[in-house]
Amino acid sequence: MKFKLTFWKLVFFFLMAAGLYATFLRFTRGLGASTNLTDQFPWGIWISFDVLCGVMLAAGGFTLTATVHILNVKRMHSIIRPTILTAFLGYVLVCVALMYDLGKPYNIWHPLIMRNPRSVMFEVAYCVMLYTTVLALEFSPIVLERFNLQKPLKVVRAILIPLVICGVILSTLHQSSLGTLYLIVPEKLHPFWYSPLLPVFFFISAIAVGLAMTIFESSMSARHFGLHLELPVLQELGRVLVVVLSVYAVLRFEDLLHRGALKLALKPGYEMYLFWLEIALSVLLPLALLLQKRIRNNPHGLYWAAVLVVLGFITNRMNVSITGFEGSTGVRYFPKWSELAVTGMIIGAGFVLFGLAVKYLPIFPREESLAEQEANAAVVPAAVAPVLEHAGD
């Protein structure tokens, strides 16, 4: 097969080259020389994006598997495998990212034997390790099917429901506990983002992003691999996403009003602009799209709404972990090029690994191509479809 160099392959090779060089700097010269982190600002993009956002983006693994296997909603079964793949890759890459941020990465095994049950970080560490193991077992049937290993496949299928239940419990614990980490700094975190409800916000937003990521990955895979797009299933996810975002919006603004922080939303400043950017991307614009039936029933409309939700809650995590601390520390943190290079390398590796898995493993159904489905769908009035199709392009 002849190798064809494309724009995105060039981008990937650039990301990998820059990331590998930054990796060399990180592990030979230390954190001080390879990052803009300081004693006043010790957590940067490797924690805020690579870990907090990475765990959140993989949240579809517990939301969809619980829906299908525990609640027995079989019509969602076709999107379970890509969702588990995304979750598994997400958690593996989170573990990789942690190796960069830890001052002594070779001590990452210490929580296994040096236990501190009163520490939230101890609970998060254990849950991430255990849930990554659960995801590996949930993903294993796909690999076992590919190589026709029937005996181990029967064993895994026999314990699948207990695995899913364990996965839901572990995910619920550490998705919320990531928010609990920030409850110890009420005087340092900006009132926009500090709240006793932070664990609840982190958990609800993880569910929203899990649904949005399922729509996003299904749409991208259908577009680039010519695979079957389960449009009715994605439409149902869009309707559920409306409910989750509405609950999140009501709780968020009620909390701001109750704590007297809502008045700050009209006070011009650095934090105010980023707060409204977060709210617009995560709540206002997606709801404005998804509440319109003609857009919610269109693959391009669903795709762009999902993109907005993902970007919005990434902004939220970055605000909580970076923006919210800058005022109290007096530091304006911006990541060094090497920090961005490592993050870019991890993101690029995630996309490539997902693509390889889709290509060589039975991830998506292949009964009907995207072109055939779009030709038969006709779910949007003719006057609206061209606009959405142009936006999707």
Protein backbone atom coordinates (compact mmCIF):
# COMPACT_ATOMS: atom_id res chain seq x y z
CA MET A 1 0.00 0.00 0.00
CA LYS A 2 1.45 3.34 -1.08
CA PHE A 3 1.97 5.92 1.68
CA LYS A 4 0.19 9.21 1.02
CA LEU A 5 1.32 12.32 2.88
CA THR A 6 -1.57 14.58 3.83
CA PHE A 7 -1.93 17.83 5.77
CA TRP A 8 -3.15 16.05 8.91
CA LYS A 9 -0.32 13.52 8.75
CA LEU A 10 2.13 16.42 8.62
CA VAL A 11 0.41 17.98 11.64
CA PHE A 12 0.67 14.65 13.50
CA PHE A 13 4.37 14.23 12.69
CA PHE A 14 5.06 17.81 13.84
CA LEU A 15 3.16 17.23 17.11
CA MET A 16 5.03 14.00 17.77
CA ALA A 17 8.44 15.53 17.02
CA ALA A 18 7.81 18.56 19.23
CA GLY A 19 6.32 16.39 21.97
CA LEU A 20 9.22 13.94 21.98
CA TYR A 21 11.75 16.76 22.22
CA ALA A 22 9.74 18.34 25.06
CA THR A 23 9.67 14.91 26.73
CA PHE A 24 13.45 14.77 26.53
CA LEU A 25 13.68 18.21 28.18
CA ARG A 26 11.19 17.26 30.89
CA PHE A 27 12.93 14.08 31.97
CA THR A 28 16.50 15.34 31.65
CA ARG A 29 16.19 18.91 32.95
CA GLY A 30 13.19 18.67 35.27
CA LEU A 31 9.94 20.60 35.69
CA GLY A 32 11.61 23.96 36.29
CA ALA A 33 13.34 24.05 32.91
CA SER A 34 10.49 22.54 30.87
CA THR A 35 7.46 24.34 32.34
CA ASN A 36 6.28 27.73 33.59
CA LEU A 37 5.15 26.18 36.88
CA THR A 38 6.26 27.79 40.15
CA ASP A 39 5.79 27.26 43.88
CA GLN A 40 2.98 29.84 43.70
CA PHE A 41 1.36 28.10 40.73
CA PRO A 42 2.29 24.38 40.85
CA TRP A 43 -0.56 22.97 38.71
CA GLY A 44 -0.73 23.99 35.06
CA ILE A 45 -2.03 22.64 31.80
CA TRP A 46 -0.85 19.08 32.43
CA ILE A 47 -3.26 18.85 35.35
CA SER A 48 -6.04 21.16 34.14
CA PHE A 49 -6.30 19.85 30.58
CA ASP A 50 -4.51 16.51 30.39
CA VAL A 51 -5.96 15.15 33.65
CA LEU A 52 -9.11 17.06 34.64
CA CYS A 53 -10.36 17.39 31.06
CA GLY A 54 -9.05 13.98 30.03
CA VAL A 55 -11.03 12.20 32.75
CA MET A 56 -14.12 14.26 31.90
CA LEU A 57 -13.88 13.55 28.15
CA ALA A 58 -13.81 9.82 28.90
CA ALA A 59 -17.01 10.00 30.96
CA GLY A 60 -19.13 8.43 28.23
CA GLY A 61 -17.71 5.10 29.31
CA PHE A 62 -19.78 4.92 32.47
CA THR A 63 -22.87 6.83 31.28
CA LEU A 64 -23.52 4.72 28.17
CA THR A 65 -22.49 1.34 29.59
CA ALA A 66 -24.80 1.89 32.57
CA THR A 67 -27.61 2.86 30.20
CA VAL A 68 -27.24 -0.25 28.06
CA HIS A 69 -26.19 -2.96 30.49
CA ILE A 70 -27.81 -1.89 33.76
CA LEU A 71 -30.91 -0.04 32.55
CA ASN A 72 -31.18 -2.50 29.62
CA VAL A 73 -31.69 0.18 26.93
CA LYS A 74 -30.70 -2.09 24.03
CA ARG A 75 -31.28 0.49 21.30
CA MET A 76 -28.10 2.24 22.51
CA HIS A 77 -26.00 -0.90 22.08
CA SER A 78 -24.52 0.12 18.72
CA ILE A 79 -22.57 3.04 20.23
CA ILE A 80 -21.23 1.23 23.29
CA ARG A 81 -17.99 0.04 21.70
CA PRO A 82 -16.74 3.42 20.43
CA THR A 83 -17.68 4.92 23.77
CA ILE A 84 -15.68 2.32 25.72
CA LEU A 85 -12.77 2.79 23.30
CA THR A 86 -12.80 6.55 23.93
CA ALA A 87 -12.96 6.05 27.70
CA PHE A 88 -10.16 3.47 27.72
CA LEU A 89 -7.85 5.61 25.59
CA GLY A 90 -8.74 8.66 27.68
CA TYR A 91 -7.76 7.05 30.96
CA VAL A 92 -4.58 5.52 29.56
CA LEU A 93 -3.51 8.93 28.26
CA VAL A 94 -4.42 10.54 31.60
CA CYS A 95 -2.02 8.11 33.29
CA VAL A 96 0.64 9.05 30.72
CA ALA A 97 0.07 12.76 31.37
CA LEU A 98 0.44 12.24 35.12
CA MET A 99 3.92 10.85 34.56
CA TYR A 100 4.94 14.23 33.15
CA ASP A 101 3.49 16.30 35.99
CA LEU A 102 4.79 14.24 38.91
CA GLY A 103 8.12 15.49 40.21
CA LYS A 104 9.28 11.90 40.67
CA PRO A 105 7.19 9.86 38.20
CA TYR A 106 8.92 6.63 39.17
CA ASN A 107 7.10 6.90 42.53
CA ILE A 108 3.63 6.73 40.95
CA TRP A 109 3.10 3.31 42.54
CA HIS A 110 3.39 4.68 46.09
CA PRO A 111 -0.39 5.08 46.70
CA LEU A 112 -0.71 1.32 46.35
CA ILE A 113 1.14 0.75 49.62
CA MET A 114 1.34 4.20 51.25
CA ARG A 115 -2.36 4.64 51.92
CA ASN A 116 -4.01 7.77 53.26
CA PRO A 117 -7.77 7.08 53.30
CA ARG A 118 -8.51 10.65 54.47
CA SER A 119 -7.01 12.16 51.29
CA VAL A 120 -9.21 12.99 48.30
CA MET A 121 -6.20 12.56 46.01
CA PHE A 122 -5.70 9.05 47.41
CA GLU A 123 -9.30 8.20 46.52
CA VAL A 124 -8.91 9.68 43.02
CA ALA A 125 -5.66 7.76 42.46
CA TYR A 126 -7.20 4.45 43.47
CA CYS A 127 -10.39 5.03 41.48
CA VAL A 128 -8.45 5.97 38.33
CA MET A 129 -6.22 2.90 38.63
CA LEU A 130 -9.15 0.57 39.27
CA TYR A 131 -11.39 2.11 36.60
CA THR A 132 -8.63 1.93 33.99
CA THR A 133 -8.41 -1.79 34.80
CA VAL A 134 -12.19 -2.15 34.49
CA LEU A 135 -12.15 -0.34 31.13
CA ALA A 136 -9.39 -2.64 29.88
CA LEU A 137 -11.58 -5.64 30.75
CA GLU A 138 -14.66 -4.01 29.19
CA PHE A 139 -12.67 -3.32 26.03
CA SER A 140 -11.12 -6.81 25.89
CA PRO A 141 -14.11 -8.54 24.18
CA ILE A 142 -13.50 -6.38 21.10
CA VAL A 143 -9.91 -7.63 20.86
CA LEU A 144 -10.87 -11.21 21.70
CA GLU A 145 -13.52 -11.20 18.96
CA ARG A 146 -11.02 -9.87 16.46
CA PHE A 147 -8.68 -12.82 17.10
CA ASN A 148 -11.52 -15.33 17.63
CA LEU A 149 -10.48 -16.25 21.20
CA GLN A 150 -13.77 -17.77 22.30
CA LYS A 151 -12.87 -19.20 25.72
CA PRO A 152 -11.57 -15.99 27.33
CA LEU A 153 -14.37 -14.13 25.56
CA LYS A 154 -16.98 -16.25 27.38
CA VAL A 155 -15.27 -15.57 30.71
CA VAL A 156 -15.28 -11.79 30.20
CA ARG A 157 -18.90 -11.79 29.04
CA ALA A 158 -19.90 -13.78 32.13
CA ILE A 159 -18.55 -11.05 34.44
CA LEU A 160 -19.53 -8.08 32.25
CA ILE A 161 -22.46 -6.82 34.35
CA PRO A 162 -20.47 -6.79 37.64
CA LEU A 163 -17.67 -5.01 35.76
CA VAL A 164 -20.07 -2.35 34.49
CA ILE A 165 -21.50 -1.81 37.97
CA CYS A 166 -17.98 -1.44 39.41
CA GLY A 167 -17.12 0.98 36.61
CA VAL A 168 -20.17 3.15 37.33
CA ILE A 169 -19.38 3.26 41.06
CA LEU A 170 -15.71 4.10 40.51
CA SER A 171 -16.50 6.77 37.90
CA THR A 172 -19.13 8.39 40.09
CA LEU A 173 -16.64 8.53 42.96
CA HIS A 174 -13.70 10.10 41.18
CA GLN A 175 -15.58 12.32 38.70
CA SER A 176 -17.08 14.12 41.69
CA SER A 177 -13.91 13.86 43.80
CA LEU A 178 -11.98 15.86 41.24
CA GLY A 179 -14.26 18.74 42.21
CA THR A 180 -13.80 17.93 45.89
CA LEU A 181 -10.07 18.62 45.50
CA TYR A 182 -10.83 22.34 45.21
CA LEU A 183 -13.09 22.58 48.27
CA ILE A 184 -10.04 23.15 50.50
CA VAL A 185 -9.22 26.54 48.91
CA PRO A 186 -12.29 28.76 49.44
CA GLU A 187 -10.12 31.85 49.98
CA LYS A 188 -7.96 31.25 46.89
CA LEU A 189 -10.46 30.15 44.23
CA HIS A 190 -12.50 32.92 42.56
CA PRO A 191 -16.20 33.08 43.61
CA PHE A 192 -17.27 32.25 40.04
CA TRP A 193 -15.84 28.76 40.46
CA TYR A 194 -15.58 28.01 44.17
CA SER A 195 -18.73 26.34 45.45
CA PRO A 196 -19.72 23.65 47.97
CA LEU A 197 -21.47 22.09 44.97
CA LEU A 198 -18.27 21.67 42.95
CA PRO A 199 -18.38 17.84 43.23
CA VAL A 200 -21.97 17.91 41.93
CA PHE A 201 -21.02 20.27 39.08
CA PHE A 202 -18.08 18.10 38.09
CA PHE A 203 -20.25 14.98 38.04
CA ILE A 204 -23.13 16.50 36.05
CA SER A 205 -20.78 18.14 33.57
CA ALA A 206 -18.99 14.81 33.11
CA ILE A 207 -22.31 13.21 32.14
CA ALA A 208 -23.00 16.03 29.68
CA VAL A 209 -19.55 15.76 28.11
CA GLY A 210 -19.84 11.96 27.97
CA LEU A 211 -23.02 12.30 25.89
CA ALA A 212 -21.48 15.04 23.73
CA MET A 213 -18.30 13.05 23.10
CA THR A 214 -20.36 10.06 21.97
CA ILE A 215 -22.13 12.26 19.41
CA PHE A 216 -18.82 13.87 18.37
CA GLU A 217 -16.83 10.65 17.92
CA SER A 218 -19.68 8.89 16.09
CA SER A 219 -20.07 11.82 13.69
CA MET A 220 -16.33 12.13 13.05
CA SER A 221 -15.91 8.39 12.51
CA ALA A 222 -18.84 8.28 10.11
CA ARG A 223 -17.45 11.22 8.17
CA HIS A 224 -13.83 10.09 7.91
CA PHE A 225 -14.20 6.32 7.82
CA GLY A 226 -17.47 6.05 5.88
CA LEU A 227 -19.07 4.12 8.75
CA HIS A 228 -22.67 3.70 9.81
CA LEU A 229 -24.09 6.70 11.67
CA GLU A 230 -26.72 5.73 14.24
CA LEU A 231 -28.69 8.94 13.78
CA PRO A 232 -31.81 7.91 15.78
CA VAL A 233 -29.59 6.98 18.73
CA LEU A 234 -27.65 10.24 18.51
CA GLN A 235 -30.94 12.17 18.34
CA GLU A 236 -31.99 10.50 21.58
CA LEU A 237 -28.66 11.42 23.16
CA GLY A 238 -29.30 15.00 22.03
CA ARG A 239 -32.63 15.03 23.86
CA VAL A 240 -31.02 13.67 27.04
CA LEU A 241 -28.25 16.25 26.68
CA VAL A 242 -30.87 19.03 26.76
CA VAL A 243 -32.12 17.75 30.12
CA VAL A 244 -28.61 17.40 31.61
CA LEU A 245 -27.52 20.86 30.46
CA SER A 246 -30.75 22.41 31.78
CA VAL A 247 -30.23 20.82 35.21
CA TYR A 248 -26.61 22.00 35.25
CA ALA A 249 -27.60 25.57 34.24
CA VAL A 250 -30.31 25.85 36.90
CA LEU A 251 -28.03 24.55 39.66
CA ARG A 252 -25.11 26.72 38.54
CA PHE A 253 -27.02 29.99 38.47
CA GLU A 254 -28.96 29.18 41.65
CA ASP A 255 -25.65 28.54 43.38
CA LEU A 256 -24.14 31.81 42.13
CA LEU A 257 -27.24 33.71 43.27
CA HIS A 258 -27.29 32.01 46.69
CA ARG A 259 -23.60 32.81 47.31
CA GLY A 260 -23.94 36.41 46.11
CA ALA A 261 -21.48 35.84 43.26
CA LEU A 262 -23.93 36.48 40.44
CA LYS A 263 -23.44 40.26 40.73
CA LEU A 264 -19.80 39.74 39.68
CA ALA A 265 -21.00 38.49 36.30
CA LEU A 266 -21.57 42.11 35.25
CA LYS A 267 -18.29 43.46 36.65
CA PRO A 268 -15.83 43.79 33.72
CA GLY A 269 -12.59 41.93 34.18
CA TYR A 270 -10.46 39.00 33.11
CA GLU A 271 -12.46 36.46 35.11
CA MET A 272 -15.82 37.82 33.95
CA TYR A 273 -14.96 37.42 30.26
CA LEU A 274 -13.80 33.84 30.71
CA PHE A 275 -16.82 33.05 32.87
CA TRP A 276 -19.24 34.17 30.16
CA LEU A 277 -17.22 32.38 27.49
CA GLU A 278 -17.59 29.18 29.52
CA ILE A 279 -21.34 29.69 30.07
CA ALA A 280 -21.98 30.57 26.43
CA LEU A 281 -20.11 27.54 25.09
CA SER A 282 -21.31 24.99 27.65
CA VAL A 283 -24.93 26.02 28.18
CA LEU A 284 -26.41 28.93 26.23
CA LEU A 285 -25.36 28.11 22.65
CA PRO A 286 -25.83 24.31 22.85
CA LEU A 287 -29.30 24.70 24.36
CA ALA A 288 -30.20 27.30 21.75
CA LEU A 289 -29.36 24.69 19.09
CA LEU A 290 -30.69 21.54 20.73
CA LEU A 291 -34.04 23.06 21.70
CA GLN A 292 -34.78 23.44 17.98
CA LYS A 293 -36.14 20.14 16.72
CA ARG A 294 -34.96 20.66 13.14
CA ILE A 295 -31.39 21.10 14.34
CA ARG A 296 -31.55 18.34 16.97
CA ASN A 297 -32.70 15.89 14.28
CA ASN A 298 -29.92 16.82 11.87
CA PRO A 299 -26.48 15.17 12.06
CA HIS A 300 -24.62 18.43 11.43
CA GLY A 301 -26.68 20.29 14.05
CA LEU A 302 -26.03 17.57 16.63
CA TYR A 303 -22.33 17.59 15.78
CA TRP A 304 -21.87 21.32 16.32
CA ALA A 305 -23.92 21.30 19.52
CA ALA A 306 -21.71 18.49 20.84
CA VAL A 307 -18.54 20.42 19.89
CA LEU A 308 -19.80 23.45 21.81
CA VAL A 309 -20.56 21.37 24.91
CA VAL A 310 -17.10 19.78 24.86
CA LEU A 311 -15.34 23.14 24.37
CA GLY A 312 -17.51 24.78 27.03
CA PHE A 313 -16.75 22.30 29.77
CA ILE A 314 -13.07 22.18 28.84
CA THR A 315 -13.15 25.95 29.42
CA ASN A 316 -14.86 25.32 32.75
CA ARG A 317 -12.17 22.90 33.92
CA MET A 318 -9.44 25.30 32.82
CA ASN A 319 -11.18 28.16 34.65
CA VAL A 320 -11.51 26.16 37.87
CA SER A 321 -7.92 24.95 37.86
CA ILE A 322 -6.09 27.96 36.36
CA THR A 323 -8.13 31.15 35.88
CA GLY A 324 -9.76 30.94 39.29
CA PHE A 325 -6.38 30.93 41.09
CA GLU A 326 -4.59 33.67 39.20
CA GLY A 327 -6.16 36.53 41.14
CA SER A 328 -5.26 35.19 44.60
CA THR A 329 -1.73 34.12 43.67
CA GLY A 330 -0.91 37.27 41.72
CA VAL A 331 0.49 35.08 38.93
CA ARG A 332 -0.61 35.05 35.30
CA TYR A 333 0.18 31.53 34.20
CA PHE A 334 0.66 30.68 30.53
CA PRO A 335 2.13 27.29 29.62
CA LYS A 336 5.60 27.04 28.15
CA TRP A 337 5.90 25.74 24.58
CA SER A 338 7.14 22.41 25.91
CA GLU A 339 4.01 22.00 28.06
CA LEU A 340 1.84 22.67 25.00
CA ALA A 341 3.97 20.30 22.91
CA VAL A 342 3.46 17.42 25.34
CA THR A 343 -0.27 18.09 25.49
CA GLY A 344 -0.45 18.26 21.68
CA MET A 345 1.46 14.99 21.39
CA ILE A 346 -0.93 13.24 23.78
CA ILE A 347 -3.98 14.56 21.90
CA GLY A 348 -2.49 13.53 18.54
CA ALA A 349 -1.67 10.07 19.87
CA GLY A 350 -5.26 9.71 21.10
CA PHE A 351 -6.71 10.52 17.67
CA VAL A 352 -4.33 8.15 15.89
CA LEU A 353 -4.93 5.29 18.32
CA PHE A 354 -8.70 5.76 17.98
CA GLY A 355 -8.39 5.69 14.19
CA LEU A 356 -6.25 2.55 14.21
CA ALA A 357 -8.71 0.81 16.54
CA VAL A 358 -11.63 1.71 14.29
CA LYS A 359 -9.73 0.48 11.25
CA TYR A 360 -8.57 -2.88 12.60
CA LEU A 361 -11.11 -3.79 15.30
CA PRO A 362 -14.91 -4.31 15.14
CA ILE A 363 -15.81 -0.97 16.75
CA PHE A 364 -18.64 0.41 14.60
CA PRO A 365 -21.44 -1.34 12.70
CA ARG A 366 -20.82 -1.33 8.95
CA GLU A 367 -24.23 -2.18 7.53
CA GLU A 368 -24.85 1.19 5.92
CA SER A 369 -22.54 3.97 4.86
CA LEU A 370 -23.00 7.57 5.94
CA ALA A 371 -23.81 8.61 2.37
CA GLU A 372 -26.57 6.00 2.12
CA GLN A 373 -28.05 6.99 5.45
CA GLU A 374 -28.07 10.71 4.67
CA ALA A 375 -29.76 9.98 1.35
CA ASN A 376 -32.55 8.14 3.18
CA ALA A 377 -32.87 10.31 6.28
CA ALA A 378 -34.56 13.52 5.05
CA VAL A 379 -35.07 14.73 8.60
CA VAL A 380 -34.64 18.45 8.00
CA PRO A 381 -36.76 20.74 5.84
CA ALA A 382 -35.17 21.56 2.51
CA ALA A 383 -34.86 25.24 3.39
CA VAL A 384 -32.83 24.50 6.53
CA ALA A 385 -30.64 21.60 5.37
CA PRO A 386 -28.31 23.57 3.06
CA VAL A 387 -27.42 26.00 5.84
CA LEU A 388 -26.56 23.25 8.30
CA GLU A 389 -24.69 21.21 5.71
CA HIS A 390 -22.62 24.28 4.81
CA ALA A 391 -21.86 24.85 8.50
CA GLY A 392 -20.84 21.20 8.88
CA ASP A 393 -18.40 21.52 6.00
